[in-house]
Amino acid sequence: MTRDPQFMTCQEFQEQMAELIGSGEDVNNHPHLRMCATCRALLADLQTIADAARELLPVEPPAEDLWQRIELAIQKEDSSLDPG
């Protein structure tokens, strides 16, 4: 039985928080958060940590020829192992 989100305990909300965030929905509009300053603060802290982590390791797309270089390296290694 799914509990009414408006009447969730903090523990219930926090146990579902990762799933809620991962769903892509705006968690800030969750009914529990409208009533709970503790969970709003926790979510804000988690968002701050996630933002800081993204700045530490900027995401860069791989080089366009990455897969080709990998394939060539594998072929080269295979040919060096071939006794024939």
C-alpha atoms as a PDB file:
ATOM      1  CA  MET A   1       0.000   0.000   0.000  1.00  0.00           C
ATOM      2  CA  THR A   2       1.439   3.369  -1.016  1.00  0.00           C
ATOM      3  CA  ARG A   3       1.239   5.943   1.710  1.00  0.00           C
ATOM      4  CA  ASP A   4      -0.119   9.420   0.964  1.00  0.00           C
ATOM      5  CA  PRO A   5       3.028  11.529   0.319  1.00  0.00           C
ATOM      6  CA  GLN A   6       1.602  14.366   2.366  1.00  0.00           C
ATOM      7  CA  PHE A   7       1.589  12.190   5.498  1.00  0.00           C
ATOM      8  CA  MET A   8       4.987  10.500   5.053  1.00  0.00           C
ATOM      9  CA  THR A   9       7.378  10.467   7.958  1.00  0.00           C
ATOM     10  CA  CYS A  10      10.847  11.902   7.449  1.00  0.00           C
ATOM     11  CA  GLN A  11      12.274   8.387   7.476  1.00  0.00           C
ATOM     12  CA  GLU A  12       9.861   7.243   4.744  1.00  0.00           C
ATOM     13  CA  PHE A  13      10.628  10.288   2.628  1.00  0.00           C
ATOM     14  CA  GLN A  14      14.386   9.955   3.064  1.00  0.00           C
ATOM     15  CA  GLU A  15      14.258   6.255   2.155  1.00  0.00           C
ATOM     16  CA  GLN A  16      12.588   7.212  -1.127  1.00  0.00           C
ATOM     17  CA  MET A  17      14.618  10.364  -1.780  1.00  0.00           C
ATOM     18  CA  ALA A  18      17.175   8.764  -4.136  1.00  0.00           C
ATOM     19  CA  GLU A  19      14.397   7.239  -6.235  1.00  0.00           C
ATOM     20  CA  LEU A  20      12.500  10.537  -6.286  1.00  0.00           C
ATOM     21  CA  ILE A  21      15.577  12.478  -7.352  1.00  0.00           C
ATOM     22  CA  GLY A  22      16.446   9.851  -9.980  1.00  0.00           C
ATOM     23  CA  SER A  23      12.951  10.036 -11.456  1.00  0.00           C
ATOM     24  CA  GLY A  24      13.706  13.454 -12.932  1.00  0.00           C
ATOM     25  CA  GLU A  25      10.681  15.000 -11.287  1.00  0.00           C
ATOM     26  CA  ASP A  26      11.032  18.242  -9.344  1.00  0.00           C
ATOM     27  CA  VAL A  27      11.420  16.825  -5.841  1.00  0.00           C
ATOM     28  CA  ASN A  28      11.050  20.327  -4.404  1.00  0.00           C
ATOM     29  CA  ASN A  29       7.305  20.093  -5.106  1.00  0.00           C
ATOM     30  CA  HIS A  30       6.868  16.905  -3.087  1.00  0.00           C
ATOM     31  CA  PRO A  31       4.060  17.301  -0.522  1.00  0.00           C
ATOM     32  CA  HIS A  32       6.288  16.171   2.357  1.00  0.00           C
ATOM     33  CA  LEU A  33       8.779  18.953   1.656  1.00  0.00           C
ATOM     34  CA  ARG A  34       6.086  21.612   1.811  1.00  0.00           C
ATOM     35  CA  MET A  35       5.511  20.629   5.436  1.00  0.00           C
ATOM     36  CA  CYS A  36       8.983  19.542   6.617  1.00  0.00           C
ATOM     37  CA  ALA A  37      11.827  22.018   7.082  1.00  0.00           C
ATOM     38  CA  THR A  38      14.219  19.225   8.106  1.00  0.00           C
ATOM     39  CA  CYS A  39      13.857  17.326   4.820  1.00  0.00           C
ATOM     40  CA  ARG A  40      13.926  20.580   2.797  1.00  0.00           C
ATOM     41  CA  ALA A  41      17.269  21.401   4.438  1.00  0.00           C
ATOM     42  CA  LEU A  42      18.572  17.873   3.792  1.00  0.00           C
ATOM     43  CA  LEU A  43      17.590  18.069   0.133  1.00  0.00           C
ATOM     44  CA  ALA A  44      19.225  21.501  -0.202  1.00  0.00           C
ATOM     45  CA  ASP A  45      22.437  20.124   1.342  1.00  0.00           C
ATOM     46  CA  LEU A  46      22.416  17.152  -1.031  1.00  0.00           C
ATOM     47  CA  GLN A  47      21.883  19.441  -4.023  1.00  0.00           C
ATOM     48  CA  THR A  48      24.789  21.631  -2.896  1.00  0.00           C
ATOM     49  CA  ILE A  49      27.049  18.574  -2.573  1.00  0.00           C
ATOM     50  CA  ALA A  50      25.988  17.277  -6.005  1.00  0.00           C
ATOM     51  CA  ASP A  51      26.637  20.681  -7.609  1.00  0.00           C
ATOM     52  CA  ALA A  52      30.083  20.879  -6.010  1.00  0.00           C
ATOM     53  CA  ALA A  53      30.933  17.346  -7.159  1.00  0.00           C
ATOM     54  CA  ARG A  54      30.010  18.210 -10.749  1.00  0.00           C
ATOM     55  CA  GLU A  55      32.428  21.150 -10.609  1.00  0.00           C
ATOM     56  CA  LEU A  56      35.258  18.928  -9.348  1.00  0.00           C
ATOM     57  CA  LEU A  57      35.076  16.551 -12.286  1.00  0.00           C
ATOM     58  CA  PRO A  58      33.884  18.363 -15.388  1.00  0.00           C
ATOM     59  CA  VAL A  59      32.310  15.997 -17.873  1.00  0.00           C
ATOM     60  CA  GLU A  60      34.149  15.990 -21.161  1.00  0.00           C
ATOM     61  CA  PRO A  61      32.975  14.012 -24.142  1.00  0.00           C
ATOM     62  CA  PRO A  62      35.397  11.312 -25.293  1.00  0.00           C
ATOM     63  CA  ALA A  63      37.493  11.917 -28.388  1.00  0.00           C
ATOM     64  CA  GLU A  64      35.638  11.104 -31.594  1.00  0.00           C
ATOM     65  CA  ASP A  65      38.157   8.437 -32.542  1.00  0.00           C
ATOM     66  CA  LEU A  66      38.236   6.755 -29.113  1.00  0.00           C
ATOM     67  CA  TRP A  67      36.522   3.515 -30.177  1.00  0.00           C
ATOM     68  CA  GLN A  68      38.666   3.297 -33.286  1.00  0.00           C
ATOM     69  CA  ARG A  69      41.832   3.676 -31.191  1.00  0.00           C
ATOM     70  CA  ILE A  70      40.615   1.013 -28.761  1.00  0.00           C
ATOM     71  CA  GLU A  71      39.858  -1.376 -31.603  1.00  0.00           C
ATOM     72  CA  LEU A  72      43.278  -0.780 -33.177  1.00  0.00           C
ATOM     73  CA  ALA A  73      45.003  -1.356 -29.823  1.00  0.00           C
ATOM     74  CA  ILE A  74      43.132  -4.638 -29.376  1.00  0.00           C
ATOM     75  CA  GLN A  75      44.022  -5.763 -32.897  1.00  0.00           C
ATOM     76  CA  LYS A  76      47.658  -4.850 -32.315  1.00  0.00           C
ATOM     77  CA  GLU A  77      47.728  -6.802 -29.049  1.00  0.00           C
ATOM     78  CA  ASP A  78      46.004  -9.788 -30.691  1.00  0.00           C
ATOM     79  CA  SER A  79      48.555  -9.839 -33.501  1.00  0.00           C
ATOM     80  CA  SER A  80      51.477  -9.706 -31.060  1.00  0.00           C
ATOM     81  CA  LEU A  81      50.038 -12.736 -29.214  1.00  0.00           C
ATOM     82  CA  ASP A  82      49.493 -14.723 -32.426  1.00  0.00           C
ATOM     83  CA  PRO A  83      52.273 -17.313 -32.666  1.00  0.00           C
ATOM     84  CA  GLY A  84      51.755 -17.676 -36.402  1.00  0.00           C
END
